[in-house]
Amino acid sequence: MSNASQLRDSTQIVLPSEALEGLEAQLDDVCTVSVFAEGDDQCRIVGSPVEIKRATEFLARHGVSVR
């Protein structure tokens, strides 16, 4: 059975806001995700596990490291 942290990790990405600068519109075009500002310096990308995987791959192709 999955635990809460595994489910959370598969449905969201938290990044510094500057990492998404200039990519958010493109990300919206390729993935069905929602992007939320988390204060002044972080953002949260939320979606299904399939969409988060797609978003991670997109970000990696654009030089954004996702841990």
N, C-alpha and C. Protein backbone atom coordinates (compact mmCIF):
# COMPACT_ATOMS: atom_id res chain seq x y z
N MET A 1 0.84 -1.18 0.00
CA MET A 1 0.00 0.00 0.00
C MET A 1 0.89 1.25 0.00
N SER A 2 0.47 2.27 -0.70
CA SER A 2 1.23 3.51 -0.78
C SER A 2 1.06 4.34 0.48
N ASN A 3 2.11 5.07 0.82
CA ASN A 3 1.96 5.99 1.94
C ASN A 3 1.75 7.40 1.40
N ALA A 4 1.38 8.32 2.26
CA ALA A 4 1.02 9.67 1.84
C ALA A 4 2.17 10.39 1.13
N SER A 5 3.40 10.23 1.60
CA SER A 5 4.51 10.95 0.96
C SER A 5 4.78 10.43 -0.44
N GLN A 6 4.60 9.14 -0.69
CA GLN A 6 4.78 8.61 -2.04
C GLN A 6 3.71 9.17 -2.98
N LEU A 7 2.48 9.22 -2.52
CA LEU A 7 1.41 9.78 -3.34
C LEU A 7 1.64 11.25 -3.62
N ARG A 8 2.06 12.00 -2.61
CA ARG A 8 2.32 13.43 -2.78
C ARG A 8 3.45 13.64 -3.77
N ASP A 9 4.52 12.85 -3.67
CA ASP A 9 5.65 13.00 -4.58
C ASP A 9 5.28 12.68 -6.02
N SER A 10 4.30 11.82 -6.22
CA SER A 10 3.92 11.46 -7.58
C SER A 10 2.87 12.40 -8.17
N THR A 11 2.36 13.34 -7.37
CA THR A 11 1.32 14.24 -7.88
C THR A 11 1.68 15.71 -7.80
N GLN A 12 2.91 16.02 -7.39
CA GLN A 12 3.30 17.43 -7.33
C GLN A 12 4.81 17.59 -7.46
N ILE A 13 5.19 18.78 -7.91
CA ILE A 13 6.59 19.18 -8.00
C ILE A 13 6.68 20.55 -7.35
N VAL A 14 7.64 20.75 -6.46
CA VAL A 14 7.86 22.05 -5.85
C VAL A 14 9.20 22.56 -6.35
N LEU A 15 9.20 23.78 -6.90
CA LEU A 15 10.39 24.37 -7.50
C LEU A 15 10.55 25.82 -7.07
N PRO A 16 11.76 26.34 -7.17
CA PRO A 16 11.92 27.79 -7.02
C PRO A 16 11.15 28.46 -8.17
N SER A 17 10.48 29.54 -7.89
CA SER A 17 9.69 30.23 -8.92
C SER A 17 10.51 30.60 -10.14
N GLU A 18 11.76 30.98 -9.92
CA GLU A 18 12.61 31.39 -11.04
C GLU A 18 12.88 30.25 -12.02
N ALA A 19 12.76 29.00 -11.57
CA ALA A 19 13.00 27.86 -12.45
C ALA A 19 11.94 27.76 -13.55
N LEU A 20 10.74 28.28 -13.30
CA LEU A 20 9.65 28.21 -14.28
C LEU A 20 9.54 29.44 -15.16
N GLU A 21 10.36 30.45 -14.90
CA GLU A 21 10.26 31.69 -15.67
C GLU A 21 10.38 31.40 -17.16
N GLY A 22 9.39 31.83 -17.92
CA GLY A 22 9.38 31.65 -19.36
C GLY A 22 8.93 30.27 -19.82
N LEU A 23 8.66 29.35 -18.91
CA LEU A 23 8.27 27.99 -19.29
C LEU A 23 6.83 27.65 -18.94
N GLU A 24 6.20 28.45 -18.10
CA GLU A 24 4.87 28.08 -17.60
C GLU A 24 3.84 27.92 -18.72
N ALA A 25 3.82 28.82 -19.68
CA ALA A 25 2.86 28.72 -20.78
C ALA A 25 3.11 27.46 -21.62
N GLN A 26 4.38 27.17 -21.88
CA GLN A 26 4.72 25.96 -22.64
C GLN A 26 4.34 24.71 -21.86
N LEU A 27 4.59 24.72 -20.56
CA LEU A 27 4.23 23.60 -19.71
C LEU A 27 2.73 23.36 -19.75
N ASP A 28 1.95 24.43 -19.71
CA ASP A 28 0.49 24.31 -19.80
C ASP A 28 0.05 23.72 -21.13
N ASP A 29 0.80 24.00 -22.19
CA ASP A 29 0.47 23.47 -23.51
C ASP A 29 0.72 21.97 -23.62
N VAL A 30 1.75 21.47 -22.91
CA VAL A 30 2.11 20.05 -23.03
C VAL A 30 1.51 19.18 -21.94
N CYS A 31 1.17 19.75 -20.81
CA CYS A 31 0.71 18.95 -19.66
C CYS A 31 -0.57 19.54 -19.08
N THR A 32 -1.38 18.67 -18.52
CA THR A 32 -2.57 19.11 -17.81
C THR A 32 -2.22 19.18 -16.33
N VAL A 33 -1.67 20.31 -15.94
CA VAL A 33 -1.25 20.54 -14.56
C VAL A 33 -1.72 21.92 -14.13
N SER A 34 -1.69 22.14 -12.83
CA SER A 34 -1.97 23.45 -12.27
C SER A 34 -0.71 23.94 -11.58
N VAL A 35 -0.43 25.24 -11.72
CA VAL A 35 0.74 25.84 -11.11
C VAL A 35 0.26 26.86 -10.08
N PHE A 36 0.76 26.73 -8.86
CA PHE A 36 0.38 27.62 -7.77
C PHE A 36 1.62 28.29 -7.20
N ALA A 37 1.52 29.58 -6.94
CA ALA A 37 2.61 30.30 -6.28
C ALA A 37 2.60 29.91 -4.80
N GLU A 38 3.78 29.68 -4.26
CA GLU A 38 3.94 29.37 -2.84
C GLU A 38 4.84 30.45 -2.26
N GLY A 39 4.26 31.54 -1.87
CA GLY A 39 5.06 32.65 -1.38
C GLY A 39 5.75 33.34 -2.54
N ASP A 40 6.83 34.04 -2.23
CA ASP A 40 7.53 34.80 -3.26
C ASP A 40 8.56 33.98 -4.02
N ASP A 41 8.99 32.86 -3.44
CA ASP A 41 10.14 32.19 -4.05
C ASP A 41 9.92 30.75 -4.47
N GLN A 42 8.73 30.20 -4.30
CA GLN A 42 8.48 28.82 -4.70
C GLN A 42 7.16 28.71 -5.44
N CYS A 43 7.07 27.65 -6.27
CA CYS A 43 5.80 27.33 -6.92
C CYS A 43 5.58 25.83 -6.82
N ARG A 44 4.33 25.45 -6.91
CA ARG A 44 3.94 24.04 -6.81
C ARG A 44 3.19 23.68 -8.09
N ILE A 45 3.63 22.61 -8.74
CA ILE A 45 2.97 22.08 -9.93
C ILE A 45 2.22 20.83 -9.48
N VAL A 46 0.92 20.79 -9.73
CA VAL A 46 0.08 19.70 -9.25
C VAL A 46 -0.64 19.06 -10.44
N GLY A 47 -0.67 17.74 -10.44
CA GLY A 47 -1.37 17.01 -11.50
C GLY A 47 -1.40 15.53 -11.18
N SER A 48 -1.96 14.76 -12.10
CA SER A 48 -2.00 13.31 -11.92
C SER A 48 -0.58 12.76 -12.03
N PRO A 49 -0.34 11.56 -11.55
CA PRO A 49 1.00 10.98 -11.66
C PRO A 49 1.52 10.94 -13.10
N VAL A 50 0.65 10.65 -14.05
CA VAL A 50 1.06 10.62 -15.46
C VAL A 50 1.46 12.01 -15.93
N GLU A 51 0.69 13.02 -15.57
CA GLU A 51 1.00 14.39 -15.98
C GLU A 51 2.24 14.93 -15.27
N ILE A 52 2.44 14.55 -14.01
CA ILE A 52 3.63 14.99 -13.29
C ILE A 52 4.87 14.37 -13.93
N LYS A 53 4.79 13.12 -14.35
CA LYS A 53 5.92 12.49 -15.05
C LYS A 53 6.20 13.23 -16.35
N ARG A 54 5.16 13.56 -17.09
CA ARG A 54 5.31 14.31 -18.34
C ARG A 54 5.90 15.70 -18.07
N ALA A 55 5.45 16.35 -17.01
CA ALA A 55 5.98 17.67 -16.64
C ALA A 55 7.44 17.58 -16.25
N THR A 56 7.81 16.53 -15.50
CA THR A 56 9.20 16.33 -15.10
C THR A 56 10.09 16.17 -16.32
N GLU A 57 9.64 15.38 -17.29
CA GLU A 57 10.40 15.17 -18.52
C GLU A 57 10.53 16.48 -19.31
N PHE A 58 9.44 17.24 -19.39
CA PHE A 58 9.47 18.53 -20.08
C PHE A 58 10.47 19.47 -19.41
N LEU A 59 10.40 19.57 -18.11
CA LEU A 59 11.31 20.46 -17.37
C LEU A 59 12.76 20.02 -17.54
N ALA A 60 13.02 18.73 -17.50
CA ALA A 60 14.38 18.22 -17.68
C ALA A 60 14.92 18.59 -19.07
N ARG A 61 14.07 18.48 -20.09
CA ARG A 61 14.50 18.87 -21.45
C ARG A 61 14.83 20.35 -21.55
N HIS A 62 14.28 21.14 -20.64
CA HIS A 62 14.53 22.59 -20.64
C HIS A 62 15.53 22.99 -19.55
N GLY A 63 16.25 22.02 -19.03
CA GLY A 63 17.34 22.31 -18.10
C GLY A 63 16.95 22.55 -16.66
N VAL A 64 15.71 22.19 -16.30
CA VAL A 64 15.26 22.39 -14.93
C VAL A 64 15.40 21.06 -14.19
N SER A 65 16.19 21.05 -13.14
CA SER A 65 16.40 19.84 -12.35
C SER A 65 15.26 19.66 -11.36
N VAL A 66 14.65 18.49 -11.41
CA VAL A 66 13.57 18.16 -10.48
C VAL A 66 14.06 17.01 -9.62
N ARG A 67 14.04 17.22 -8.32
CA ARG A 67 14.51 16.15 -7.43
C ARG A 67 13.41 15.24 -7.00
